[in-house]
C-alpha cells in the first residue's frame, strides 16, 4: 500500500491570519478569517493525531513540535479574531479624516 504524503502547513499561515485580523471591518470579514483559522487548526490537529497514532496510511511532512507550536499560535489567533469588536455601520462617521499629529486646522 502506498503512503499518501500530506501537504505541508504553510509557514506563513499564522502571519496571514494575524494581518487579516487587523483588517477586519465587518461581521463578514470576521466570519471569513475565523473560518479560515479554524479550518487550519482542524488540519493541524488532524496531522498531530496521525503522528501520535503512527499512521501507516499518511506521511505527515512536519514534526509534532512544529505542529503543536502552530496549533498554539492558531488558537491565540482565533482568540484575537473573536475579540475584534465590529462597529455597526450606522455609528461610524461618514467621513473619517485622519489629521496629522500637531494639526490644529
N, C-alpha and C. Protein backbone atom coordinates (compact mmCIF):
# COMPACT_ATOMS: atom_id res chain seq x y z
N UNK A 1 0.84 -1.19 0.00
CA UNK A 1 0.00 0.00 0.00
C UNK A 1 0.88 1.25 0.00
N UNK A 2 0.54 2.19 -0.87
CA UNK A 2 1.30 3.45 -0.95
C UNK A 2 0.87 4.40 0.15
N UNK A 3 1.87 5.01 0.78
CA UNK A 3 1.57 6.04 1.77
C UNK A 3 1.31 7.35 1.04
N UNK A 4 0.30 8.08 1.49
CA UNK A 4 -0.03 9.37 0.86
C UNK A 4 0.68 10.48 1.63
N UNK A 5 1.50 11.26 0.91
CA UNK A 5 2.19 12.37 1.55
C UNK A 5 1.24 13.57 1.62
N UNK A 6 1.03 14.08 2.82
CA UNK A 6 0.12 15.21 3.03
C UNK A 6 0.81 16.53 2.71
N UNK A 7 0.00 17.55 2.44
CA UNK A 7 0.55 18.89 2.16
C UNK A 7 1.12 19.49 3.44
N UNK A 8 2.18 20.27 3.27
CA UNK A 8 2.77 20.98 4.41
C UNK A 8 1.83 22.10 4.85
N UNK A 9 1.85 22.40 6.15
CA UNK A 9 1.13 23.58 6.65
C UNK A 9 2.06 24.75 6.33
N UNK A 10 1.60 25.74 5.55
CA UNK A 10 2.49 26.85 5.18
C UNK A 10 3.03 27.59 6.41
N UNK A 11 4.30 27.98 6.35
CA UNK A 11 4.90 28.68 7.49
C UNK A 11 4.30 30.07 7.70
N UNK A 12 3.69 30.63 6.64
CA UNK A 12 3.14 31.98 6.76
C UNK A 12 1.66 32.01 7.15
N UNK A 13 1.09 30.84 7.47
CA UNK A 13 -0.35 30.79 7.76
C UNK A 13 -0.72 31.65 8.97
N UNK A 14 0.10 31.63 10.01
CA UNK A 14 -0.19 32.43 11.21
C UNK A 14 -0.05 33.92 10.90
N UNK A 15 1.00 34.30 10.18
CA UNK A 15 1.19 35.71 9.80
C UNK A 15 0.01 36.21 8.98
N UNK A 16 -0.42 35.39 8.02
CA UNK A 16 -1.54 35.76 7.16
C UNK A 16 -2.79 36.04 8.01
N UNK A 17 -3.08 35.15 8.95
CA UNK A 17 -4.27 35.31 9.80
C UNK A 17 -4.13 36.56 10.68
N UNK A 18 -2.93 36.81 11.21
CA UNK A 18 -2.72 38.00 12.05
C UNK A 18 -2.96 39.28 11.25
N UNK A 19 -2.46 39.32 10.03
CA UNK A 19 -2.63 40.50 9.17
C UNK A 19 -4.10 40.69 8.82
N UNK A 20 -4.76 39.61 8.44
CA UNK A 20 -6.19 39.69 8.10
C UNK A 20 -7.03 40.12 9.30
N UNK A 21 -6.63 39.69 10.50
CA UNK A 21 -7.36 40.06 11.73
C UNK A 21 -7.32 41.57 11.93
N UNK A 22 -6.17 42.18 11.62
CA UNK A 22 -6.03 43.64 11.77
C UNK A 22 -6.92 44.41 10.80
N UNK A 23 -7.33 43.77 9.71
CA UNK A 23 -8.14 44.49 8.71
C UNK A 23 -9.62 44.10 8.74
N UNK A 24 -10.07 43.46 9.83
CA UNK A 24 -11.49 43.12 9.96
C UNK A 24 -12.30 44.40 10.05
N UNK A 25 -13.30 44.53 9.16
CA UNK A 25 -14.16 45.72 9.16
C UNK A 25 -15.61 45.41 9.52
N UNK A 26 -16.04 44.20 9.16
CA UNK A 26 -17.44 43.87 9.42
C UNK A 26 -17.58 42.39 9.80
N UNK A 27 -18.81 41.98 10.08
CA UNK A 27 -19.06 40.61 10.52
C UNK A 27 -18.65 39.59 9.46
N UNK A 28 -18.79 39.96 8.18
CA UNK A 28 -18.41 39.06 7.10
C UNK A 28 -16.89 38.81 7.12
N UNK A 29 -16.10 39.87 7.28
CA UNK A 29 -14.64 39.73 7.39
C UNK A 29 -14.29 38.81 8.56
N UNK A 30 -14.95 39.07 9.69
CA UNK A 30 -14.67 38.32 10.92
C UNK A 30 -14.99 36.83 10.71
N UNK A 31 -16.12 36.55 10.08
CA UNK A 31 -16.53 35.17 9.83
C UNK A 31 -15.57 34.46 8.88
N UNK A 32 -15.15 35.18 7.83
CA UNK A 32 -14.25 34.58 6.83
C UNK A 32 -12.91 34.18 7.47
N UNK A 33 -12.30 35.11 8.21
CA UNK A 33 -10.98 34.81 8.79
C UNK A 33 -11.10 33.81 9.94
N UNK A 34 -12.21 33.85 10.67
CA UNK A 34 -12.45 32.88 11.73
C UNK A 34 -12.56 31.47 11.15
N UNK A 35 -13.33 31.32 10.07
CA UNK A 35 -13.50 30.02 9.41
C UNK A 35 -12.16 29.50 8.88
N UNK A 36 -11.40 30.40 8.24
CA UNK A 36 -10.10 30.02 7.69
C UNK A 36 -9.18 29.52 8.82
N UNK A 37 -9.15 30.27 9.91
CA UNK A 37 -8.30 29.93 11.05
C UNK A 37 -8.71 28.58 11.64
N UNK A 38 -10.01 28.38 11.85
CA UNK A 38 -10.48 27.12 12.43
C UNK A 38 -10.22 25.94 11.50
N UNK A 39 -10.32 26.17 10.20
CA UNK A 39 -10.03 25.13 9.22
C UNK A 39 -8.57 24.69 9.33
N UNK A 40 -7.67 25.66 9.42
CA UNK A 40 -6.24 25.35 9.55
C UNK A 40 -5.96 24.66 10.88
N UNK A 41 -6.64 25.10 11.93
CA UNK A 41 -6.48 24.50 13.26
C UNK A 41 -6.92 23.03 13.23
N UNK A 42 -8.03 22.76 12.57
CA UNK A 42 -8.54 21.39 12.45
C UNK A 42 -7.53 20.52 11.69
N UNK A 43 -6.96 21.06 10.63
CA UNK A 43 -5.96 20.34 9.84
C UNK A 43 -4.72 20.02 10.68
N UNK A 44 -4.24 21.02 11.41
CA UNK A 44 -3.06 20.83 12.26
C UNK A 44 -3.34 19.75 13.32
N UNK A 45 -4.51 19.81 13.95
CA UNK A 45 -4.88 18.81 14.96
C UNK A 45 -4.94 17.40 14.36
N UNK A 46 -5.45 17.30 13.14
CA UNK A 46 -5.53 16.00 12.46
C UNK A 46 -4.12 15.47 12.19
N UNK A 47 -3.21 16.33 11.74
CA UNK A 47 -1.83 15.93 11.49
C UNK A 47 -1.19 15.43 12.79
N UNK A 48 -1.44 16.13 13.89
CA UNK A 48 -0.88 15.72 15.19
C UNK A 48 -1.42 14.33 15.57
N UNK A 49 -2.73 14.12 15.37
CA UNK A 49 -3.34 12.82 15.69
C UNK A 49 -2.72 11.71 14.84
N UNK A 50 -2.47 12.00 13.56
CA UNK A 50 -1.86 10.99 12.69
C UNK A 50 -0.46 10.62 13.19
N UNK A 51 0.31 11.62 13.60
CA UNK A 51 1.66 11.36 14.12
C UNK A 51 1.59 10.54 15.41
N UNK A 52 0.66 10.92 16.30
CA UNK A 52 0.54 10.20 17.58
C UNK A 52 0.09 8.76 17.38
N UNK A 53 -0.74 8.53 16.37
CA UNK A 53 -1.24 7.17 16.10
C UNK A 53 -0.24 6.35 15.29
N UNK A 54 0.80 7.02 14.76
CA UNK A 54 1.78 6.31 13.92
C UNK A 54 1.13 5.80 12.64
N UNK A 55 0.40 6.68 11.97
CA UNK A 55 -0.36 6.31 10.78
C UNK A 55 0.50 5.62 9.72
N UNK A 56 -0.03 4.51 9.20
CA UNK A 56 0.66 3.77 8.14
C UNK A 56 0.15 4.23 6.77
N UNK A 57 -0.90 5.05 6.77
CA UNK A 57 -1.55 5.46 5.53
C UNK A 57 -1.03 6.81 5.02
N UNK A 58 -0.61 7.68 5.95
CA UNK A 58 -0.21 9.04 5.58
C UNK A 58 1.19 9.39 6.05
N UNK A 59 1.86 10.25 5.28
CA UNK A 59 3.16 10.80 5.67
C UNK A 59 2.90 12.26 6.04
N UNK A 60 3.14 12.60 7.31
CA UNK A 60 2.97 13.98 7.77
C UNK A 60 4.31 14.68 7.57
N UNK A 61 4.34 15.76 6.75
CA UNK A 61 5.61 16.37 6.37
C UNK A 61 6.27 17.28 7.41
N UNK A 62 5.63 17.46 8.57
CA UNK A 62 6.23 18.33 9.59
C UNK A 62 6.30 17.62 10.93
N UNK A 63 7.16 18.13 11.80
CA UNK A 63 7.35 17.49 13.10
C UNK A 63 6.18 17.80 14.03
N UNK A 64 6.02 16.95 15.02
CA UNK A 64 4.96 17.14 16.02
C UNK A 64 5.18 18.46 16.76
N UNK A 65 6.44 18.79 17.06
CA UNK A 65 6.77 20.02 17.78
C UNK A 65 6.32 21.24 16.97
N UNK A 66 6.62 21.22 15.67
CA UNK A 66 6.24 22.33 14.79
C UNK A 66 4.71 22.46 14.75
N UNK A 67 4.04 21.33 14.60
CA UNK A 67 2.58 21.33 14.52
C UNK A 67 1.94 21.81 15.83
N UNK A 68 2.51 21.41 16.96
CA UNK A 68 1.97 21.86 18.25
C UNK A 68 2.17 23.36 18.43
N UNK A 69 3.32 23.87 17.99
CA UNK A 69 3.59 25.31 18.07
C UNK A 69 2.59 26.07 17.17
N UNK A 70 2.38 25.55 15.97
CA UNK A 70 1.43 26.18 15.04
C UNK A 70 0.02 26.13 15.61
N UNK A 71 -0.34 25.01 16.22
CA UNK A 71 -1.68 24.87 16.84
C UNK A 71 -1.88 25.94 17.91
N UNK A 72 -0.89 26.10 18.77
CA UNK A 72 -0.99 27.09 19.85
C UNK A 72 -1.13 28.51 19.29
N UNK A 73 -0.37 28.81 18.23
CA UNK A 73 -0.44 30.13 17.60
C UNK A 73 -1.80 30.35 16.95
N UNK A 74 -2.33 29.32 16.31
CA UNK A 74 -3.65 29.43 15.67
C UNK A 74 -4.75 29.64 16.71
N UNK A 75 -4.62 28.96 17.85
CA UNK A 75 -5.61 29.13 18.92
C UNK A 75 -5.57 30.56 19.45
N UNK A 76 -4.38 31.11 19.57
CA UNK A 76 -4.22 32.50 20.01
C UNK A 76 -4.80 33.46 18.97
N UNK A 77 -4.54 33.18 17.70
CA UNK A 77 -5.10 33.99 16.61
C UNK A 77 -6.62 34.00 16.68
N UNK A 78 -7.21 32.83 16.89
CA UNK A 78 -8.68 32.76 16.90
C UNK A 78 -9.25 33.54 18.07
N UNK A 79 -8.54 33.50 19.21
CA UNK A 79 -8.99 34.28 20.37
C UNK A 79 -9.00 35.77 20.02
N UNK A 80 -7.96 36.23 19.33
CA UNK A 80 -7.87 37.65 18.92
C UNK A 80 -8.96 38.00 17.91
N UNK A 81 -9.23 37.10 16.98
CA UNK A 81 -10.29 37.34 15.98
C UNK A 81 -11.61 37.55 16.71
N UNK A 82 -11.90 36.70 17.68
CA UNK A 82 -13.18 36.78 18.38
C UNK A 82 -13.27 38.02 19.27
N UNK A 83 -12.12 38.61 19.64
CA UNK A 83 -12.12 39.81 20.47
C UNK A 83 -12.34 41.09 19.65
N UNK A 84 -12.22 41.00 18.33
CA UNK A 84 -12.40 42.18 17.48
C UNK A 84 -13.86 42.63 17.57
N UNK A 85 -14.04 43.89 17.93
CA UNK A 85 -15.39 44.47 18.02
C UNK A 85 -15.75 45.06 16.66
N UNK A 86 -16.94 44.73 16.20
CA UNK A 86 -17.43 45.26 14.93
C UNK A 86 -18.22 46.53 15.22
N UNK A 87 -17.89 47.62 14.54
CA UNK A 87 -18.62 48.88 14.69
C UNK A 87 -19.81 48.85 13.74
N UNK A 88 -21.03 48.98 14.27
CA UNK A 88 -22.20 48.97 13.39
C UNK A 88 -22.10 50.11 12.36
N UNK A 89 -22.49 49.85 11.10
CA UNK A 89 -22.35 50.85 10.04
C UNK A 89 -22.96 52.21 10.39
N UNK A 90 -24.08 52.24 11.09
CA UNK A 90 -24.75 53.49 11.43
C UNK A 90 -23.98 54.36 12.41
N UNK A 91 -23.10 53.77 13.19
CA UNK A 91 -22.39 54.54 14.21
C UNK A 91 -20.99 54.98 13.77
N UNK A 92 -20.60 54.59 12.56
CA UNK A 92 -19.31 55.03 12.03
C UNK A 92 -19.46 56.42 11.43
N UNK A 93 -18.45 57.27 11.55
CA UNK A 93 -18.54 58.59 10.92
C UNK A 93 -18.59 58.42 9.39
N UNK A 94 -19.34 59.30 8.74
CA UNK A 94 -19.46 59.22 7.29
C UNK A 94 -18.11 59.51 6.64
N UNK A 95 -17.47 60.57 7.11
CA UNK A 95 -16.13 60.92 6.62
C UNK A 95 -15.20 60.88 7.82
N UNK A 96 -14.24 60.00 7.77
CA UNK A 96 -13.29 59.86 8.88
C UNK A 96 -11.93 60.35 8.40
N UNK A 97 -11.62 61.59 8.72
CA UNK A 97 -10.37 62.19 8.26
C UNK A 97 -9.31 62.04 9.35
N UNK A 98 -8.18 61.47 8.96
CA UNK A 98 -7.07 61.30 9.89
C UNK A 98 -6.12 62.49 9.73
N UNK A 99 -6.16 63.42 10.66
CA UNK A 99 -5.29 64.58 10.59
C UNK A 99 -3.90 64.23 11.12
N UNK A 100 -2.86 64.86 10.56
CA UNK A 100 -1.50 64.60 11.05
C UNK A 100 -1.36 65.09 12.49
N UNK A 101 -0.45 64.46 13.23
CA UNK A 101 -0.19 64.88 14.61
C UNK A 101 0.24 66.35 14.63
N UNK A 102 -0.33 67.12 15.57
CA UNK A 102 0.03 68.51 15.70
C UNK A 102 -0.80 69.44 14.82
N UNK A 103 -1.68 68.89 13.97
CA UNK A 103 -2.51 69.72 13.09
C UNK A 103 -3.58 70.43 13.92
N UNK A 104 -3.71 71.73 13.74
CA UNK A 104 -4.66 72.50 14.54
C UNK A 104 -5.81 73.05 13.70
N UNK A 105 -5.76 72.93 12.36
CA UNK A 105 -6.85 73.39 11.49
C UNK A 105 -6.79 74.86 11.33
